[in-house]
Every structure is written in C-alpha cells, then in structure tokens.
N, C-alpha and C. Protein backbone atom coordinates (compact mmCIF):
# COMPACT_ATOMS: atom_id res chain seq x y z
N MET A 1 0.97 -1.11 -0.10
CA MET A 1 -0.02 -0.22 0.06
C MET A 1 1.32 1.07 0.27
N ILE A 2 2.17 1.29 0.63
CA ILE A 2 3.10 2.43 1.01
C ILE A 2 3.44 2.43 -0.47
N LYS A 3 3.81 1.36 -1.63
CA LYS A 3 4.58 1.57 -2.99
C LYS A 3 3.43 2.39 -3.52
N LEU A 4 1.61 1.78 -3.50
CA LEU A 4 0.96 2.60 -4.28
C LEU A 4 0.95 4.05 -4.01
N LYS A 5 0.78 4.43 -2.80
CA LYS A 5 0.90 6.28 -2.48
C LYS A 5 1.97 6.72 -3.17
N GLY A 6 3.02 6.33 -2.77
CA GLY A 6 3.75 6.33 -3.83
C GLY A 6 4.01 6.86 -4.69
N LEU A 7 3.38 5.87 -5.87
CA LEU A 7 3.72 6.06 -6.92
C LEU A 7 2.52 7.29 -7.67
N ILE A 8 1.45 7.50 -6.51
CA ILE A 8 0.28 7.66 -7.18
C ILE A 8 0.77 9.64 -6.62
N LYS A 9 1.23 10.03 -5.92
CA LYS A 9 2.26 10.96 -5.80
C LYS A 9 3.62 11.52 -6.89
N GLU A 10 3.23 10.11 -7.54
CA GLU A 10 4.90 10.42 -8.80
C GLU A 10 4.49 10.21 -9.96
N GLY A 11 2.46 10.40 -9.93
CA GLY A 11 1.46 9.96 -11.17
C GLY A 11 2.39 8.85 -11.73
N GLN A 12 2.51 8.19 -11.67
CA GLN A 12 3.52 6.89 -11.68
C GLN A 12 2.58 5.70 -12.13
N LEU A 13 1.30 5.85 -11.28
CA LEU A 13 0.07 4.76 -11.38
C LEU A 13 -0.04 4.12 -12.76
N THR A 14 -0.82 5.02 -13.22
CA THR A 14 -1.25 4.47 -14.55
C THR A 14 -0.32 3.88 -15.49
N GLU A 15 0.71 4.02 -15.47
CA GLU A 15 2.21 4.06 -16.31
C GLU A 15 2.17 2.96 -15.72
N VAL A 16 2.44 1.89 -14.14
CA VAL A 16 2.21 0.28 -13.95
C VAL A 16 0.90 -0.18 -14.43
N MET A 17 -0.25 0.77 -14.27
CA MET A 17 -1.30 -0.24 -14.55
C MET A 17 -1.64 -0.45 -16.16
N PHE A 18 -0.62 0.23 -16.76
CA PHE A 18 -0.66 0.35 -18.21
C PHE A 18 0.25 -1.20 -18.60
N ASP A 19 0.82 -0.66 -18.22
CA ASP A 19 2.45 -1.80 -18.17
C ASP A 19 1.12 -3.37 -17.84
N THR A 20 1.14 -3.31 -16.67
CA THR A 20 0.41 -5.10 -16.09
C THR A 20 -0.85 -5.13 -16.83
N TYR A 21 -1.61 -4.54 -17.37
CA TYR A 21 -2.71 -4.77 -18.86
C TYR A 21 -1.92 -5.11 -19.77
N LEU A 22 -0.82 -4.60 -20.41
CA LEU A 22 0.05 -4.86 -21.44
C LEU A 22 0.52 -5.94 -21.27
N GLU A 23 0.66 -5.90 -20.50
CA GLU A 23 0.82 -7.84 -20.14
C GLU A 23 0.12 -8.91 -19.97
N GLY A 24 -1.08 -8.68 -19.59
CA GLY A 24 -1.60 -9.61 -19.74
C GLY A 24 -2.83 -9.40 -21.55
N VAL A 25 -2.86 -8.65 -22.38
CA VAL A 25 -2.67 -8.46 -23.57
C VAL A 25 -1.77 -9.52 -24.05
N LEU A 26 -0.33 -9.25 -24.25
CA LEU A 26 0.29 -9.98 -24.66
C LEU A 26 0.66 -11.94 -24.45
N LYS A 27 -0.19 -12.33 -23.03
CA LYS A 27 -0.19 -13.42 -22.60
C LYS A 27 -1.32 -14.11 -22.92
N THR A 28 -2.38 -13.42 -23.47
CA THR A 28 -3.75 -13.93 -23.89
C THR A 28 -3.35 -13.92 -25.02
N LEU A 29 -3.28 -13.49 -25.87
CA LEU A 29 -2.17 -13.20 -27.17
C LEU A 29 -1.26 -14.52 -27.79
N GLU A 30 -0.86 -14.40 -27.13
CA GLU A 30 0.53 -16.11 -27.05
C GLU A 30 -0.52 -17.31 -26.99
N LYS A 31 -1.57 -17.47 -25.74
CA LYS A 31 -2.09 -18.43 -26.01
C LYS A 31 -3.73 -18.37 -27.13
N LEU A 32 -3.29 -17.49 -27.57
CA LEU A 32 -4.38 -17.61 -28.51
C LEU A 32 -3.83 -18.10 -29.91
N ASP A 33 -2.39 -17.14 -30.43
CA ASP A 33 -2.41 -17.03 -31.67
C ASP A 33 -0.90 -17.00 -31.81
N LYS A 34 0.32 -17.75 -31.55
CA LYS A 34 1.19 -17.44 -31.28
C LYS A 34 1.35 -16.19 -32.72
N HIS A 35 1.80 -16.94 -33.44
CA HIS A 35 2.08 -15.54 -34.93
C HIS A 35 1.43 -14.08 -34.62
N VAL A 36 0.50 -13.77 -34.12
CA VAL A 36 0.18 -12.84 -33.89
C VAL A 36 0.42 -12.01 -33.28
N TYR A 37 0.41 -12.70 -32.33
CA TYR A 37 2.25 -12.25 -30.63
C TYR A 37 2.53 -12.07 -31.01
N GLN A 38 4.06 -13.12 -32.22
CA GLN A 38 5.54 -12.21 -32.51
C GLN A 38 5.41 -11.03 -33.50
N THR A 39 3.71 -10.62 -34.40
CA THR A 39 3.84 -10.04 -35.30
C THR A 39 3.78 -8.58 -33.75
N VAL A 40 2.68 -8.82 -33.32
CA VAL A 40 2.87 -6.98 -32.80
C VAL A 40 3.96 -7.44 -31.81
N VAL A 41 4.70 -8.21 -30.58
CA VAL A 41 5.80 -7.64 -30.51
C VAL A 41 6.98 -7.69 -30.95
N SER A 42 7.24 -7.92 -32.00
CA SER A 42 8.35 -7.21 -33.60
C SER A 42 7.60 -5.91 -33.66
N MET A 43 6.61 -5.72 -34.09
CA MET A 43 6.02 -4.68 -34.75
C MET A 43 5.90 -3.62 -33.59
N TYR A 44 6.06 -3.85 -32.35
CA TYR A 44 4.98 -2.34 -31.27
C TYR A 44 6.17 -1.32 -31.28
N ASN A 45 7.34 -1.49 -31.56
CA ASN A 45 7.78 -0.21 -31.43
C ASN A 45 8.31 0.53 -32.74
N LYS A 46 8.24 -0.38 -33.52
CA LYS A 46 8.09 -0.07 -35.00
C LYS A 46 6.69 1.07 -35.49
N THR A 47 6.05 0.30 -34.81
CA THR A 47 4.46 1.62 -35.23
C THR A 47 4.02 1.26 -34.43
N SER A 48 3.55 3.18 -34.62
CA SER A 48 1.98 3.44 -33.31
C SER A 48 0.66 2.33 -33.90
N LYS A 49 0.62 1.62 -34.27
CA LYS A 49 -0.84 1.38 -34.88
C LYS A 49 -1.11 0.25 -33.26
N PHE A 50 -0.23 -0.31 -32.92
CA PHE A 50 -0.52 -0.99 -32.33
C PHE A 50 -0.99 -0.76 -30.51
N LYS A 51 0.31 0.31 -30.44
CA LYS A 51 0.17 1.21 -29.12
C LYS A 51 -0.83 1.59 -28.87
N ASP A 52 -1.72 2.59 -30.25
CA ASP A 52 -2.88 3.44 -30.13
C ASP A 52 -3.95 1.86 -30.47
N TYR A 53 -3.86 0.61 -30.58
CA TYR A 53 -5.13 0.30 -30.40
C TYR A 53 -4.76 -0.12 -29.00
N ILE A 54 -3.82 -0.61 -28.73
CA ILE A 54 -3.74 -1.03 -27.27
C ILE A 54 -4.15 0.09 -25.73
N THR A 55 -3.87 1.84 -26.52
CA THR A 55 -3.97 2.87 -25.68
C THR A 55 -5.25 2.51 -24.99
N LYS A 56 -6.47 2.56 -26.80
CA LYS A 56 -7.64 3.04 -26.38
C LYS A 56 -8.38 2.37 -26.25
N ALA A 57 -7.80 0.90 -25.81
CA ALA A 57 -8.80 0.42 -25.12
C ALA A 57 -8.66 -0.23 -23.72
N PHE A 58 -7.27 0.19 -22.95
CA PHE A 58 -6.96 0.22 -21.73
C PHE A 58 -7.80 1.61 -21.30
N ASN A 59 -7.49 2.47 -22.29
CA ASN A 59 -8.39 4.09 -21.08
C ASN A 59 -10.40 3.56 -21.25
N ALA A 60 -11.34 2.65 -22.13
CA ALA A 60 -12.55 2.13 -22.52
C ALA A 60 -12.46 1.21 -21.19
N HIS A 61 -11.25 1.20 -20.76
CA HIS A 61 -11.26 -0.55 -20.06
C HIS A 61 -12.05 -1.48 -20.39
N ASN A 62 -11.28 -2.13 -21.15
CA ASN A 62 -11.73 -2.98 -21.94
C ASN A 62 -11.04 -4.20 -21.38
N ASN A 63 -11.27 -5.72 -21.01
CA ASN A 63 -10.21 -6.50 -20.78
C ASN A 63 -9.39 -6.79 -21.23
N PRO A 64 -8.80 -7.33 -20.99
CA PRO A 64 -7.03 -7.79 -22.21
C PRO A 64 -7.94 -9.17 -22.62
N HIS A 65 -8.43 -10.05 -22.67
CA HIS A 65 -8.80 -10.40 -23.70
C HIS A 65 -9.25 -9.97 -24.86
N GLN A 66 -10.54 -9.16 -24.77
CA GLN A 66 -11.32 -8.40 -25.59
C GLN A 66 -9.84 -7.64 -26.40
N THR A 67 -8.91 -7.11 -25.31
CA THR A 67 -8.32 -6.19 -26.71
C THR A 67 -7.53 -7.33 -27.59
N ALA A 68 -6.64 -8.12 -26.95
CA ALA A 68 -6.29 -9.51 -28.17
C ALA A 68 -6.67 -9.99 -29.03
N GLN A 69 -8.24 -10.12 -28.82
CA GLN A 69 -9.38 -10.55 -29.89
C GLN A 69 -9.17 -9.68 -30.76
N GLY A 70 -8.55 -8.22 -30.13
CA GLY A 70 -8.99 -7.00 -31.59
C GLY A 70 -8.01 -7.21 -32.46
N LEU A 71 -6.71 -7.07 -31.47
CA LEU A 71 -5.25 -6.57 -32.62
C LEU A 71 -4.93 -8.32 -33.16
N MET A 72 -5.82 -10.11 -32.83
CA MET A 72 -5.87 -10.89 -33.95
C MET A 72 -6.65 -10.23 -35.71
N ASN A 73 -8.35 -9.91 -34.97
CA ASN A 73 -8.23 -9.00 -35.70
C ASN A 73 -7.65 -8.25 -36.78
N LEU A 74 -6.79 -7.08 -35.94
CA LEU A 74 -6.00 -6.06 -37.49
C LEU A 74 -4.62 -6.78 -38.28
N VAL A 75 -4.24 -7.48 -37.39
CA VAL A 75 -3.15 -8.60 -37.95
C VAL A 75 -3.70 -8.95 -39.01
N ARG A 76 -4.83 -10.56 -39.14
CA ARG A 76 -4.83 -12.06 -39.78
C ARG A 76 -6.65 -11.30 -39.77
N PRO A 77 -7.25 -10.06 -40.63
CA PRO A 77 -8.35 -9.93 -40.93
C PRO A 77 -8.83 -10.97 -41.40
N SER A 78 -8.10 -11.59 -42.43
CA SER A 78 -9.23 -12.72 -43.14
C SER A 78 -9.49 -13.69 -42.18
N ARG A 79 -8.55 -14.74 -41.64
CA ARG A 79 -8.77 -15.70 -40.50
C ARG A 79 -10.09 -15.22 -39.52
N TYR A 80 -9.62 -14.06 -38.93
CA TYR A 80 -10.53 -14.05 -37.95
C TYR A 80 -12.36 -13.32 -38.01
N GLY A 81 -12.48 -13.26 -39.86
CA GLY A 81 -13.82 -13.43 -40.15
C GLY A 81 -14.07 -11.64 -39.98
N MET A 82 -13.58 -10.77 -40.93
CA MET A 82 -13.55 -9.56 -40.92
C MET A 82 -14.14 -9.36 -41.62
N ALA A 83 -15.66 -8.22 -42.31
CA ALA A 83 -15.91 -8.52 -43.39
C ALA A 83 -15.53 -8.29 -44.28
N GLU A 84 -14.56 -6.71 -44.33
CA GLU A 84 -13.72 -6.41 -45.89
C GLU A 84 -12.83 -7.46 -46.58
N ALA A 85 -12.47 -8.98 -45.93
CA ALA A 85 -11.89 -9.49 -46.25
C ALA A 85 -12.32 -11.06 -46.79
N GLY A 86 -13.60 -10.13 -47.47
CA GLY A 86 -14.31 -11.76 -47.64
C GLY A 86 -14.12 -11.40 -49.30
N ALA A 87 -14.72 -10.00 -49.85
CA ALA A 87 -13.77 -10.19 -51.36
C ALA A 87 -12.53 -11.39 -51.68
N ASN A 88 -12.20 -11.15 -51.07
CA ASN A 88 -10.51 -11.46 -51.21
C ASN A 88 -10.47 -13.03 -50.71
N ASP A 89 -10.70 -13.08 -49.86
CA ASP A 89 -11.36 -14.82 -49.47
C ASP A 89 -12.62 -15.23 -50.73
N LYS A 90 -12.99 -14.90 -51.17
CA LYS A 90 -13.61 -15.13 -52.48
C LYS A 90 -12.41 -15.16 -53.44
N ASP A 91 -11.41 -14.58 -53.48
CA ASP A 91 -10.72 -14.65 -55.20
C ASP A 91 -9.41 -15.51 -54.68
N GLN A 92 -9.09 -15.66 -53.46
CA GLN A 92 -8.46 -16.84 -52.68
C GLN A 92 -9.00 -18.70 -53.10
N ILE A 93 -10.24 -18.77 -53.02
CA ILE A 93 -10.67 -19.74 -52.62
C ILE A 93 -10.73 -20.52 -54.21
N ILE A 94 -10.98 -18.70 -55.01
CA ILE A 94 -11.53 -19.53 -56.31
C ILE A 94 -9.80 -19.94 -57.17
N GLN A 95 -9.23 -19.02 -56.74
CA GLN A 95 -7.60 -19.31 -56.93
C GLN A 95 -7.17 -21.27 -56.46
N GLN A 96 -7.57 -21.28 -55.12
CA GLN A 96 -7.30 -22.66 -54.45
C GLN A 96 -8.22 -23.52 -55.45
N LEU A 97 -9.40 -23.09 -56.04
CA LEU A 97 -9.76 -24.36 -56.69
C LEU A 97 -9.80 -25.02 -58.05
N ILE A 98 -9.34 -23.35 -58.47
CA ILE A 98 -8.79 -23.75 -60.03
C ILE A 98 -7.20 -24.72 -60.17
N LYS A 99 -6.80 -24.63 -58.76
CA LYS A 99 -4.98 -25.21 -58.83
C LYS A 99 -5.53 -26.27 -58.46
N TRP A 100 -6.18 -26.70 -57.93
CA TRP A 100 -6.58 -28.31 -57.84
C TRP A 100 -7.12 -28.86 -59.58
N GLY A 101 -7.17 -27.70 -60.18
CA GLY A 101 -8.15 -28.83 -61.49
C GLY A 101 -9.55 -28.13 -62.04
N ASN A 102 -9.95 -27.74 -61.43
CA ASN A 102 -11.21 -26.57 -61.45
C ASN A 102 -11.00 -25.92 -63.01
N ASN A 103 -12.03 -25.60 -63.72
CA ASN A 103 -12.28 -24.72 -64.31
C ASN A 103 -13.02 -22.98 -63.73
N LYS A 104 -12.18 -21.76 -64.23
CA LYS A 104 -12.40 -21.09 -63.89
C LYS A 104 -13.69 -20.61 -63.77
N GLN A 105 -14.93 -20.26 -64.69
CA GLN A 105 -15.83 -20.37 -64.84
C GLN A 105 -16.78 -21.51 -63.49
N ASP A 106 -16.41 -22.87 -63.49
CA ASP A 106 -16.83 -23.75 -62.55
C ASP A 106 -16.78 -23.60 -61.18
N ALA A 107 -15.34 -22.44 -61.01
CA ALA A 107 -15.08 -22.49 -59.58
C ALA A 107 -15.78 -21.55 -59.27
N ILE A 108 -15.83 -20.23 -60.42
CA ILE A 108 -16.66 -18.76 -59.88
C ILE A 108 -18.36 -19.23 -59.37
N LYS A 109 -18.80 -20.34 -60.16
CA LYS A 109 -19.97 -20.32 -60.03
C LYS A 109 -19.79 -21.51 -58.40
N MET A 110 -19.42 -22.21 -57.93
CA MET A 110 -19.06 -23.26 -57.50
C MET A 110 -19.40 -22.16 -56.09
N VAL A 111 -18.16 -21.38 -55.88
CA VAL A 111 -17.94 -20.08 -54.67
C VAL A 111 -18.77 -19.59 -55.08
N ASN A 112 -19.75 -18.36 -55.61
CA ASN A 112 -20.81 -17.65 -55.47
C ASN A 112 -21.90 -18.70 -55.19
N SER A 113 -21.90 -19.72 -55.45
CA SER A 113 -23.53 -20.20 -54.82
C SER A 113 -23.42 -20.67 -53.20
N ASN A 114 -22.39 -21.13 -52.76
CA ASN A 114 -22.17 -21.70 -51.67
C ASN A 114 -20.94 -20.95 -50.15
N TYR A 115 -20.33 -19.55 -50.79
CA TYR A 115 -19.90 -18.80 -50.23
C TYR A 115 -20.27 -18.56 -48.98
N ASP A 116 -22.00 -18.53 -49.48
CA ASP A 116 -22.18 -17.10 -47.76
C ASP A 116 -22.57 -18.25 -46.67
N TYR A 117 -22.92 -19.89 -46.79
CA TYR A 117 -23.44 -21.16 -46.74
C TYR A 117 -21.89 -21.55 -45.35
N ILE A 118 -20.99 -21.29 -46.42
CA ILE A 118 -19.65 -21.92 -45.90
C ILE A 118 -18.80 -20.97 -45.18
N ASN A 119 -19.73 -19.60 -45.09
CA ASN A 119 -18.67 -18.93 -44.42
C ASN A 119 -19.28 -18.29 -43.09
N ARG A 120 -20.63 -18.85 -43.10
CA ARG A 120 -21.08 -18.70 -42.06
C ARG A 120 -21.09 -20.01 -40.79
N VAL A 121 -21.34 -21.17 -41.64
CA VAL A 121 -21.33 -22.49 -40.78
C VAL A 121 -19.66 -23.04 -39.96
N TYR A 122 -18.61 -22.00 -41.46
CA TYR A 122 -17.40 -22.61 -41.20
C TYR A 122 -17.02 -20.96 -41.35
N PRO A 123 -17.28 -20.76 -40.16
CA PRO A 123 -16.00 -19.33 -39.56
C PRO A 123 -14.93 -18.85 -40.37
N ASN A 124 -14.14 -19.62 -38.29
CA ASN A 124 -12.96 -20.01 -38.79
C ASN A 124 -12.59 -21.11 -39.77
N ALA A 125 -12.93 -21.19 -40.65
CA ALA A 125 -12.82 -22.09 -41.65
C ALA A 125 -10.58 -21.17 -42.53
N THR A 126 -9.65 -22.01 -42.74
CA THR A 126 -8.94 -21.22 -43.56
C THR A 126 -9.25 -21.35 -45.16
N ILE A 127 -8.59 -20.64 -46.02
CA ILE A 127 -9.00 -20.32 -47.18
C ILE A 127 -9.13 -21.95 -47.57
N SER A 128 -7.90 -22.78 -47.36
CA SER A 128 -7.56 -23.88 -48.44
C SER A 128 -8.83 -25.19 -48.11
N LYS A 129 -9.34 -24.47 -46.96
CA LYS A 129 -10.66 -25.89 -46.11
C LYS A 129 -12.06 -25.27 -47.02
N LYS A 130 -12.17 -24.29 -46.79
CA LYS A 130 -13.37 -23.30 -46.87
C LYS A 130 -13.52 -23.92 -48.75
N ALA A 131 -12.24 -23.84 -49.77
CA ALA A 131 -12.03 -24.28 -51.39
C ALA A 131 -11.96 -25.81 -50.89
N GLU A 132 -11.73 -26.82 -50.16
CA GLU A 132 -12.20 -28.57 -49.84
C GLU A 132 -13.56 -28.68 -49.70
N ILE A 133 -14.40 -27.78 -48.82
CA ILE A 133 -15.82 -27.99 -47.92
C ILE A 133 -16.28 -27.58 -49.14
N ILE A 134 -16.01 -26.31 -50.23
CA ILE A 134 -17.49 -25.73 -51.87
C ILE A 134 -17.03 -27.13 -52.55
N LYS A 135 -16.41 -27.84 -52.50
CA LYS A 135 -15.32 -28.28 -53.87
C LYS A 135 -16.82 -29.75 -53.19
N THR A 136 -16.48 -30.62 -52.11
CA THR A 136 -17.11 -31.54 -51.41
C THR A 136 -18.81 -31.31 -51.94
N ILE A 137 -19.34 -30.17 -51.33
CA ILE A 137 -20.44 -29.83 -51.43
C ILE A 137 -21.06 -30.07 -53.25
N HIS A 138 -20.02 -29.57 -53.69
CA HIS A 138 -20.60 -29.29 -55.07
C HIS A 138 -21.23 -30.63 -55.46
C-alpha cells in the first residue's frame, strides 16, 4: 500500500497499470495465436498502430482478452472473419479451386453459390479448408 501511495504521488500509477494491462494482453495473445503475438511484439515499437489500439482499449477499460481478440483482427483479418476480407477470401478460394483442377467458370459458380453458407457455418476455416468444403458440396 505504501508503494502505491508513492506511485500516486509521482503520477506513475497509470503507467504501472498500463504495463500490467499490456502484459495481460500479450499473455492472452500468446495463448490464442503465436503468429499474431510475434507480429505484435516485433512491430510494437516500429509502428504506432498497435500502441494506439492498446492505449484506446486500456482507456475504454476493456479486459485484456477483448484487446487480444481485437489485435488478432488487426493482424489477420481474413482468418478471424472481418467483413472487408470477404471479397479477398472469394478470390483466394477461386484460385485454390483452379489450382486443384477446376476451370475458372465452374470455380466462380461454385464459390458464388456456396460461399455465404460456408462462411456462416465454418467462420474460422482457412481458405484451403473452405475451398475443400465447397468442392465437396458441389
């Protein structure tokens, strides 16, 4: 308690709380997705994107798990189902189907007819898994 009083007098309590919060976010992120964790750690001091996001979340009193989920969406939007990644997903699925031997017109028809269903039922599936499911359904 005496240590906290000294920190309050020096105005450092917020810094200590932020450091603890950041540590919690990084631990959660490491458990959820190691790739995103490594990206955030390596880029934290190089760009203000992650610092700003974490600072806003800290000021909004979000818990560390919510902030970690948000960082995952920033780093890997197509994998974690963000809306703007949808068009790119379709193109990637079409390319995967073509790679597996389908012609372009058939691949486009397959994706257009099944993409919404696949995205709703399997939201966390990778591009190749979505392509495999579409090929199986069609």
